[in-house]
PDB file of N, CA and C in Angstrom:
ATOM      1  N   UNK A   1       4.081 -10.941 -49.339  1.00  0.00           N
ATOM      2  CA  UNK A   1       3.175 -12.012 -48.935  1.00  0.00           C
ATOM      3  C   UNK A   1       2.578 -11.650 -47.569  1.00  0.00           C
ATOM      4  N   UNK A   2       1.285 -11.826 -47.428  1.00  0.00           N
ATOM      5  CA  UNK A   2       0.608 -11.508 -46.171  1.00  0.00           C
ATOM      6  C   UNK A   2       0.826 -12.632 -45.157  1.00  0.00           C
ATOM      7  N   UNK A   3       0.509 -12.333 -43.906  1.00  0.00           N
ATOM      8  CA  UNK A   3       0.618 -13.351 -42.857  1.00  0.00           C
ATOM      9  C   UNK A   3      -0.306 -14.533 -43.148  1.00  0.00           C
ATOM     10  N   UNK A   4      -1.489 -14.265 -43.635  1.00  0.00           N
ATOM     11  CA  UNK A   4      -2.440 -15.335 -43.959  1.00  0.00           C
ATOM     12  C   UNK A   4      -1.898 -16.219 -45.079  1.00  0.00           C
ATOM     13  N   UNK A   5      -1.260 -15.620 -46.052  1.00  0.00           N
ATOM     14  CA  UNK A   5      -0.678 -16.405 -47.150  1.00  0.00           C
ATOM     15  C   UNK A   5       0.504 -17.231 -46.658  1.00  0.00           C
ATOM     16  N   UNK A   6       1.327 -16.655 -45.783  1.00  0.00           N
ATOM     17  CA  UNK A   6       2.447 -17.402 -45.204  1.00  0.00           C
ATOM     18  C   UNK A   6       1.943 -18.603 -44.406  1.00  0.00           C
ATOM     19  N   UNK A   7       0.891 -18.374 -43.636  1.00  0.00           N
ATOM     20  CA  UNK A   7       0.333 -19.459 -42.828  1.00  0.00           C
ATOM     21  C   UNK A   7      -0.226 -20.564 -43.722  1.00  0.00           C
ATOM     22  N   UNK A   8      -0.949 -20.188 -44.752  1.00  0.00           N
ATOM     23  CA  UNK A   8      -1.521 -21.186 -45.657  1.00  0.00           C
ATOM     24  C   UNK A   8      -0.417 -21.983 -46.358  1.00  0.00           C
ATOM     25  N   UNK A   9       0.641 -21.314 -46.748  1.00  0.00           N
ATOM     26  CA  UNK A   9       1.782 -22.002 -47.366  1.00  0.00           C
ATOM     27  C   UNK A   9       2.407 -22.977 -46.385  1.00  0.00           C
ATOM     28  N   UNK A  10       2.547 -22.551 -45.152  1.00  0.00           N
ATOM     29  CA  UNK A  10       3.103 -23.437 -44.113  1.00  0.00           C
ATOM     30  C   UNK A  10       2.216 -24.659 -43.905  1.00  0.00           C
ATOM     31  N   UNK A  11       0.914 -24.443 -43.815  1.00  0.00           N
ATOM     32  CA  UNK A  11      -0.010 -25.561 -43.618  1.00  0.00           C
ATOM     33  C   UNK A  11       0.032 -26.531 -44.799  1.00  0.00           C
ATOM     34  N   UNK A  12       0.111 -26.012 -46.010  1.00  0.00           N
ATOM     35  CA  UNK A  12       0.201 -26.884 -47.197  1.00  0.00           C
ATOM     36  C   UNK A  12       1.470 -27.718 -47.150  1.00  0.00           C
ATOM     37  N   UNK A  13       2.581 -27.084 -46.788  1.00  0.00           N
ATOM     38  CA  UNK A  13       3.851 -27.801 -46.695  1.00  0.00           C
ATOM     39  C   UNK A  13       3.770 -28.913 -45.632  1.00  0.00           C
ATOM     40  N   UNK A  14       3.155 -28.599 -44.501  1.00  0.00           N
ATOM     41  CA  UNK A  14       3.012 -29.601 -43.442  1.00  0.00           C
ATOM     42  C   UNK A  14       2.105 -30.749 -43.884  1.00  0.00           C
ATOM     43  N   UNK A  15       1.025 -30.435 -44.588  1.00  0.00           N
ATOM     44  CA  UNK A  15       0.141 -31.500 -45.083  1.00  0.00           C
ATOM     45  C   UNK A  15       0.902 -32.461 -45.997  1.00  0.00           C
ATOM     46  N   UNK A  16       1.696 -31.901 -46.887  1.00  0.00           N
ATOM     47  CA  UNK A  16       2.489 -32.742 -47.800  1.00  0.00           C
ATOM     48  C   UNK A  16       3.435 -33.631 -47.007  1.00  0.00           C
ATOM     49  N   UNK A  17       4.115 -33.045 -46.019  1.00  0.00           N
ATOM     50  CA  UNK A  17       5.048 -33.831 -45.199  1.00  0.00           C
ATOM     51  C   UNK A  17       4.324 -34.941 -44.442  1.00  0.00           C
ATOM     52  N   UNK A  18       3.100 -34.686 -44.028  1.00  0.00           N
ATOM     53  CA  UNK A  18       2.334 -35.695 -43.279  1.00  0.00           C
ATOM     54  C   UNK A  18       1.850 -36.829 -44.174  1.00  0.00           C
ATOM     55  N   UNK A  19       1.475 -36.526 -45.391  1.00  0.00           N
ATOM     56  CA  UNK A  19       0.956 -37.552 -46.303  1.00  0.00           C
ATOM     57  C   UNK A  19       2.056 -38.306 -47.034  1.00  0.00           C
ATOM     58  N   UNK A  20       3.280 -37.815 -46.976  1.00  0.00           N
ATOM     59  CA  UNK A  20       4.392 -38.468 -47.689  1.00  0.00           C
ATOM     60  C   UNK A  20       5.540 -38.747 -46.741  1.00  0.00           C
ATOM     61  N   UNK A  21       5.246 -39.489 -45.697  1.00  0.00           N
ATOM     62  CA  UNK A  21       6.224 -39.766 -44.656  1.00  0.00           C
ATOM     63  C   UNK A  21       7.263 -40.812 -45.076  1.00  0.00           C
ATOM     64  N   UNK A  22       6.845 -41.804 -45.802  1.00  0.00           N
ATOM     65  CA  UNK A  22       7.745 -42.894 -46.143  1.00  0.00           C
ATOM     66  C   UNK A  22       7.195 -44.237 -45.712  1.00  0.00           C
ATOM     67  N   UNK A  23       6.341 -44.229 -44.698  1.00  0.00           N
ATOM     68  CA  UNK A  23       5.649 -45.462 -44.318  1.00  0.00           C
ATOM     69  C   UNK A  23       4.147 -45.202 -44.394  1.00  0.00           C
ATOM     70  N   UNK A  24       3.445 -46.182 -44.866  1.00  0.00           N
ATOM     71  CA  UNK A  24       1.990 -46.052 -45.025  1.00  0.00           C
ATOM     72  C   UNK A  24       1.300 -45.819 -43.680  1.00  0.00           C
ATOM     73  N   UNK A  25       1.806 -46.481 -42.635  1.00  0.00           N
ATOM     74  CA  UNK A  25       1.196 -46.327 -41.309  1.00  0.00           C
ATOM     75  C   UNK A  25       1.237 -44.870 -40.848  1.00  0.00           C
ATOM     76  N   UNK A  26       2.379 -44.226 -41.045  1.00  0.00           N
ATOM     77  CA  UNK A  26       2.476 -42.830 -40.610  1.00  0.00           C
ATOM     78  C   UNK A  26       1.702 -41.903 -41.533  1.00  0.00           C
ATOM     79  N   UNK A  27       1.638 -42.232 -42.821  1.00  0.00           N
ATOM     80  CA  UNK A  27       0.785 -41.454 -43.727  1.00  0.00           C
ATOM     81  C   UNK A  27      -0.659 -41.474 -43.220  1.00  0.00           C
ATOM     82  N   UNK A  28      -1.111 -42.653 -42.795  1.00  0.00           N
ATOM     83  CA  UNK A  28      -2.502 -42.807 -42.363  1.00  0.00           C
ATOM     84  C   UNK A  28      -2.764 -42.182 -40.992  1.00  0.00           C
ATOM     85  N   UNK A  29      -1.733 -42.042 -40.162  1.00  0.00           N
ATOM     86  CA  UNK A  29      -1.908 -41.391 -38.871  1.00  0.00           C
ATOM     87  C   UNK A  29      -1.776 -39.869 -38.975  1.00  0.00           C
ATOM     88  N   UNK A  30      -0.778 -39.415 -39.695  1.00  0.00           N
ATOM     89  CA  UNK A  30      -0.524 -37.980 -39.749  1.00  0.00           C
ATOM     90  C   UNK A  30      -1.325 -37.254 -40.824  1.00  0.00           C
ATOM     91  N   UNK A  31      -1.589 -37.922 -41.949  1.00  0.00           N
ATOM     92  CA  UNK A  31      -2.310 -37.280 -43.048  1.00  0.00           C
ATOM     93  C   UNK A  31      -3.685 -36.767 -42.662  1.00  0.00           C
ATOM     94  N   UNK A  32      -4.557 -37.612 -42.109  1.00  0.00           N
ATOM     95  CA  UNK A  32      -5.883 -37.128 -41.714  1.00  0.00           C
ATOM     96  C   UNK A  32      -5.824 -36.034 -40.640  1.00  0.00           C
ATOM     97  N   UNK A  33      -4.853 -36.134 -39.756  1.00  0.00           N
ATOM     98  CA  UNK A  33      -4.681 -35.087 -38.751  1.00  0.00           C
ATOM     99  C   UNK A  33      -4.328 -33.761 -39.431  1.00  0.00           C
ATOM    100  N   UNK A  34      -3.445 -33.842 -40.407  1.00  0.00           N
ATOM    101  CA  UNK A  34      -3.039 -32.631 -41.133  1.00  0.00           C
ATOM    102  C   UNK A  34      -4.194 -32.037 -41.928  1.00  0.00           C
ATOM    103  N   UNK A  35      -5.082 -32.884 -42.415  1.00  0.00           N
ATOM    104  CA  UNK A  35      -6.225 -32.400 -43.185  1.00  0.00           C
ATOM    105  C   UNK A  35      -7.310 -31.795 -42.303  1.00  0.00           C
ATOM    106  N   UNK A  36      -7.260 -32.071 -41.003  1.00  0.00           N
ATOM    107  CA  UNK A  36      -8.307 -31.593 -40.107  1.00  0.00           C
ATOM    108  C   UNK A  36      -7.806 -30.625 -39.063  1.00  0.00           C
ATOM    109  N   UNK A  37      -7.513 -31.129 -37.866  1.00  0.00           N
ATOM    110  CA  UNK A  37      -7.198 -30.259 -36.729  1.00  0.00           C
ATOM    111  C   UNK A  37      -5.945 -29.400 -36.866  1.00  0.00           C
ATOM    112  N   UNK A  38      -5.042 -29.756 -37.745  1.00  0.00           N
ATOM    113  CA  UNK A  38      -3.796 -29.006 -37.879  1.00  0.00           C
ATOM    114  C   UNK A  38      -4.042 -27.521 -38.128  1.00  0.00           C
ATOM    115  N   UNK A  39      -5.018 -27.192 -38.932  1.00  0.00           N
ATOM    116  CA  UNK A  39      -5.291 -25.790 -39.291  1.00  0.00           C
ATOM    117  C   UNK A  39      -5.699 -24.942 -38.089  1.00  0.00           C
ATOM    118  N   UNK A  40      -6.176 -25.567 -37.024  1.00  0.00           N
ATOM    119  CA  UNK A  40      -6.619 -24.818 -35.847  1.00  0.00           C
ATOM    120  C   UNK A  40      -5.482 -24.509 -34.876  1.00  0.00           C
ATOM    121  N   UNK A  41      -4.299 -25.065 -35.101  1.00  0.00           N
ATOM    122  CA  UNK A  41      -3.187 -24.850 -34.189  1.00  0.00           C
ATOM    123  C   UNK A  41      -2.626 -23.434 -34.329  1.00  0.00           C
ATOM    124  N   UNK A  42      -2.155 -22.897 -33.213  1.00  0.00           N
ATOM    125  CA  UNK A  42      -1.504 -21.587 -33.272  1.00  0.00           C
ATOM    126  C   UNK A  42      -0.049 -21.773 -33.717  1.00  0.00           C
ATOM    127  N   UNK A  43       0.671 -20.687 -33.882  1.00  0.00           N
ATOM    128  CA  UNK A  43       2.032 -20.764 -34.405  1.00  0.00           C
ATOM    129  C   UNK A  43       2.969 -21.587 -33.517  1.00  0.00           C
ATOM    130  N   UNK A  44       2.870 -21.433 -32.216  1.00  0.00           N
ATOM    131  CA  UNK A  44       3.723 -22.199 -31.301  1.00  0.00           C
ATOM    132  C   UNK A  44       3.418 -23.696 -31.408  1.00  0.00           C
ATOM    133  N   UNK A  45       2.151 -24.039 -31.521  1.00  0.00           N
ATOM    134  CA  UNK A  45       1.765 -25.445 -31.659  1.00  0.00           C
ATOM    135  C   UNK A  45       2.223 -25.999 -33.006  1.00  0.00           C
ATOM    136  N   UNK A  46       2.163 -25.178 -34.053  1.00  0.00           N
ATOM    137  CA  UNK A  46       2.686 -25.611 -35.354  1.00  0.00           C
ATOM    138  C   UNK A  46       4.193 -25.829 -35.287  1.00  0.00           C
ATOM    139  N   UNK A  47       4.902 -24.971 -34.553  1.00  0.00           N
ATOM    140  CA  UNK A  47       6.340 -25.161 -34.374  1.00  0.00           C
ATOM    141  C   UNK A  47       6.620 -26.515 -33.717  1.00  0.00           C
ATOM    142  N   UNK A  48       5.846 -26.841 -32.676  1.00  0.00           N
ATOM    143  CA  UNK A  48       6.022 -28.115 -31.978  1.00  0.00           C
ATOM    144  C   UNK A  48       5.703 -29.287 -32.900  1.00  0.00           C
ATOM    145  N   UNK A  49       4.678 -29.142 -33.722  1.00  0.00           N
ATOM    146  CA  UNK A  49       4.316 -30.212 -34.657  1.00  0.00           C
ATOM    147  C   UNK A  49       5.406 -30.394 -35.707  1.00  0.00           C
ATOM    148  N   UNK A  50       5.961 -29.297 -36.192  1.00  0.00           N
ATOM    149  CA  UNK A  50       7.068 -29.387 -37.152  1.00  0.00           C
ATOM    150  C   UNK A  50       8.264 -30.103 -36.549  1.00  0.00           C
ATOM    151  N   UNK A  51       8.560 -29.824 -35.288  1.00  0.00           N
ATOM    152  CA  UNK A  51       9.665 -30.510 -34.612  1.00  0.00           C
ATOM    153  C   UNK A  51       9.371 -32.008 -34.513  1.00  0.00           C
ATOM    154  N   UNK A  52       8.122 -32.341 -34.261  1.00  0.00           N
ATOM    155  CA  UNK A  52       7.720 -33.748 -34.203  1.00  0.00           C
ATOM    156  C   UNK A  52       7.977 -34.445 -35.538  1.00  0.00           C
ATOM    157  N   UNK A  53       7.707 -33.775 -36.625  1.00  0.00           N
ATOM    158  CA  UNK A  53       7.892 -34.371 -37.948  1.00  0.00           C
ATOM    159  C   UNK A  53       9.355 -34.652 -38.281  1.00  0.00           C
ATOM    160  N   UNK A  54      10.272 -34.092 -37.517  1.00  0.00           N
ATOM    161  CA  UNK A  54      11.695 -34.359 -37.725  1.00  0.00           C
ATOM    162  C   UNK A  54      12.094 -35.744 -37.207  1.00  0.00           C
ATOM    163  N   UNK A  55      11.259 -36.349 -36.374  1.00  0.00           N
ATOM    164  CA  UNK A  55      11.556 -37.677 -35.824  1.00  0.00           C
ATOM    165  C   UNK A  55      11.314 -38.753 -36.885  1.00  0.00           C
ATOM    166  N   UNK A  56      11.945 -39.908 -36.690  1.00  0.00           N
ATOM    167  CA  UNK A  56      11.754 -40.984 -37.683  1.00  0.00           C
ATOM    168  C   UNK A  56      10.420 -41.686 -37.465  1.00  0.00           C
ATOM    169  N   UNK A  57       9.934 -42.280 -38.524  1.00  0.00           N
ATOM    170  CA  UNK A  57       8.606 -42.904 -38.519  1.00  0.00           C
ATOM    171  C   UNK A  57       8.461 -44.016 -37.492  1.00  0.00           C
ATOM    172  N   UNK A  58       9.497 -44.816 -37.318  1.00  0.00           N
ATOM    173  CA  UNK A  58       9.414 -45.929 -36.372  1.00  0.00           C
ATOM    174  C   UNK A  58       9.189 -45.425 -34.949  1.00  0.00           C
ATOM    175  N   UNK A  59       9.899 -44.372 -34.571  1.00  0.00           N
ATOM    176  CA  UNK A  59       9.702 -43.805 -33.239  1.00  0.00           C
ATOM    177  C   UNK A  59       8.313 -43.181 -33.111  1.00  0.00           C
ATOM    178  N   UNK A  60       7.909 -42.422 -34.120  1.00  0.00           N
ATOM    179  CA  UNK A  60       6.583 -41.802 -34.076  1.00  0.00           C
ATOM    180  C   UNK A  60       5.483 -42.845 -33.926  1.00  0.00           C
ATOM    181  N   UNK A  61       5.570 -43.908 -34.697  1.00  0.00           N
ATOM    182  CA  UNK A  61       4.542 -44.947 -34.636  1.00  0.00           C
ATOM    183  C   UNK A  61       4.512 -45.592 -33.248  1.00  0.00           C
ATOM    184  N   UNK A  62       5.687 -45.889 -32.717  1.00  0.00           N
ATOM    185  CA  UNK A  62       5.746 -46.512 -31.388  1.00  0.00           C
ATOM    186  C   UNK A  62       5.168 -45.587 -30.322  1.00  0.00           C
ATOM    187  N   UNK A  63       5.462 -44.302 -30.414  1.00  0.00           N
ATOM    188  CA  UNK A  63       4.941 -43.359 -29.421  1.00  0.00           C
ATOM    189  C   UNK A  63       3.431 -43.210 -29.536  1.00  0.00           C
ATOM    190  N   UNK A  64       2.923 -43.053 -30.745  1.00  0.00           N
ATOM    191  CA  UNK A  64       1.483 -42.847 -30.928  1.00  0.00           C
ATOM    192  C   UNK A  64       0.694 -44.103 -30.580  1.00  0.00           C
ATOM    193  N   UNK A  65       1.225 -45.264 -30.943  1.00  0.00           N
ATOM    194  CA  UNK A  65       0.512 -46.517 -30.686  1.00  0.00           C
ATOM    195  C   UNK A  65       0.614 -46.965 -29.234  1.00  0.00           C
ATOM    196  N   UNK A  66       1.520 -46.350 -28.481  1.00  0.00           N
ATOM    197  CA  UNK A  66       1.690 -46.734 -27.085  1.00  0.00           C
ATOM    198  C   UNK A  66       2.675 -47.871 -26.886  1.00  0.00           C
ATOM    199  N   UNK A  67       3.342 -48.292 -27.935  1.00  0.00           N
ATOM    200  CA  UNK A  67       4.329 -49.372 -27.835  1.00  0.00           C
ATOM    201  C   UNK A  67       5.594 -48.899 -27.118  1.00  0.00           C
ATOM    202  N   UNK A  68       5.819 -47.599 -27.104  1.00  0.00           N
ATOM    203  CA  UNK A  68       6.964 -47.021 -26.397  1.00  0.00           C
ATOM    204  C   UNK A  68       6.500 -45.758 -25.686  1.00  0.00           C
ATOM    205  N   UNK A  69       7.194 -45.419 -24.624  1.00  0.00           N
ATOM    206  CA  UNK A  69       6.852 -44.221 -23.878  1.00  0.00           C
ATOM    207  C   UNK A  69       7.087 -42.988 -24.750  1.00  0.00           C
ATOM    208  N   UNK A  70       6.110 -42.072 -24.721  1.00  0.00           N
ATOM    209  CA  UNK A  70       6.203 -40.859 -25.534  1.00  0.00           C
ATOM    210  C   UNK A  70       7.413 -40.036 -25.123  1.00  0.00           C
ATOM    211  N   UNK A  71       8.044 -39.457 -26.090  1.00  0.00           N
ATOM    212  CA  UNK A  71       9.124 -38.523 -25.847  1.00  0.00           C
ATOM    213  C   UNK A  71       8.516 -37.281 -25.204  1.00  0.00           C
ATOM    214  N   UNK A  72       8.947 -36.917 -24.010  1.00  0.00           N
ATOM    215  CA  UNK A  72       8.339 -35.759 -23.331  1.00  0.00           C
ATOM    216  C   UNK A  72       8.429 -34.464 -24.136  1.00  0.00           C
ATOM    217  N   UNK A  73       9.461 -34.347 -24.950  1.00  0.00           N
ATOM    218  CA  UNK A  73       9.623 -33.150 -25.783  1.00  0.00           C
ATOM    219  C   UNK A  73       8.460 -32.972 -26.750  1.00  0.00           C
ATOM    220  N   UNK A  74       7.876 -34.097 -27.170  1.00  0.00           N
ATOM    221  CA  UNK A  74       6.809 -34.062 -28.165  1.00  0.00           C
ATOM    222  C   UNK A  74       5.448 -34.471 -27.595  1.00  0.00           C
ATOM    223  N   UNK A  75       5.352 -34.562 -26.279  1.00  0.00           N
ATOM    224  CA  UNK A  75       4.138 -35.098 -25.654  1.00  0.00           C
ATOM    225  C   UNK A  75       2.871 -34.354 -26.072  1.00  0.00           C
ATOM    226  N   UNK A  76       2.925 -33.043 -26.113  1.00  0.00           N
ATOM    227  CA  UNK A  76       1.718 -32.276 -26.449  1.00  0.00           C
ATOM    228  C   UNK A  76       1.279 -32.538 -27.890  1.00  0.00           C
ATOM    229  N   UNK A  77       2.217 -32.453 -28.831  1.00  0.00           N
ATOM    230  CA  UNK A  77       1.878 -32.682 -30.245  1.00  0.00           C
ATOM    231  C   UNK A  77       1.449 -34.129 -30.472  1.00  0.00           C
ATOM    232  N   UNK A  78       2.169 -35.075 -29.854  1.00  0.00           N
ATOM    233  CA  UNK A  78       1.796 -36.483 -29.992  1.00  0.00           C
ATOM    234  C   UNK A  78       0.420 -36.747 -29.398  1.00  0.00           C
ATOM    235  N   UNK A  79       0.146 -36.119 -28.276  1.00  0.00           N
ATOM    236  CA  UNK A  79      -1.158 -36.288 -27.639  1.00  0.00           C
ATOM    237  C   UNK A  79      -2.298 -35.824 -28.530  1.00  0.00           C
ATOM    238  N   UNK A  80      -2.085 -34.737 -29.243  1.00  0.00           N
ATOM    239  CA  UNK A  80      -3.128 -34.242 -30.160  1.00  0.00           C
ATOM    240  C   UNK A  80      -3.379 -35.234 -31.295  1.00  0.00           C
ATOM    241  N   UNK A  81      -2.295 -35.752 -31.864  1.00  0.00           N
ATOM    242  CA  UNK A  81      -2.452 -36.719 -32.961  1.00  0.00           C
ATOM    243  C   UNK A  81      -3.128 -37.981 -32.450  1.00  0.00           C
ATOM    244  N   UNK A  82      -2.677 -38.493 -31.320  1.00  0.00           N
ATOM    245  CA  UNK A  82      -3.271 -39.704 -30.749  1.00  0.00           C
ATOM    246  C   UNK A  82      -4.747 -39.497 -30.424  1.00  0.00           C
ATOM    247  N   UNK A  83      -5.076 -38.356 -29.831  1.00  0.00           N
ATOM    248  CA  UNK A  83      -6.476 -38.066 -29.485  1.00  0.00           C
ATOM    249  C   UNK A  83      -7.340 -37.980 -30.734  1.00  0.00           C
ATOM    250  N   UNK A  84      -6.799 -37.423 -31.806  1.00  0.00           N
ATOM    251  CA  UNK A  84      -7.543 -37.332 -33.065  1.00  0.00           C
ATOM    252  C   UNK A  84      -7.952 -38.725 -33.544  1.00  0.00           C
ATOM    253  N   UNK A  85      -7.115 -39.700 -33.277  1.00  0.00           N
ATOM    254  CA  UNK A  85      -7.394 -41.079 -33.710  1.00  0.00           C
ATOM    255  C   UNK A  85      -8.007 -41.935 -32.606  1.00  0.00           C
ATOM    256  N   UNK A  86      -8.301 -41.342 -31.470  1.00  0.00           N
ATOM    257  CA  UNK A  86      -8.929 -42.079 -30.385  1.00  0.00           C
ATOM    258  C   UNK A  86      -7.998 -43.065 -29.709  1.00  0.00           C
ATOM    259  N   UNK A  87      -6.722 -42.781 -29.747  1.00  0.00           N
ATOM    260  CA  UNK A  87      -5.719 -43.682 -29.127  1.00  0.00           C
ATOM    261  C   UNK A  87      -5.407 -43.161 -27.747  1.00  0.00           C
TER     262      UNK A  87
END
């Protein structure tokens, strides 16, 4: 498998994870992001985004919506998602 094929497989897997989170709110926040700007991220940024997806939906929603202070570990990835939605 080539590097390009590995990357495309990774992006497809991430898109699925974003659209099938378990809560509709997170599907609607992460899904469109995965369909758009996600493909432009470099490998390190994709690693950070994957780590973000390990968090539970309630925490992610609170961080993105501003209801809770963002976890500094995920600040960069969360900032990209929030900016994509104009939050």
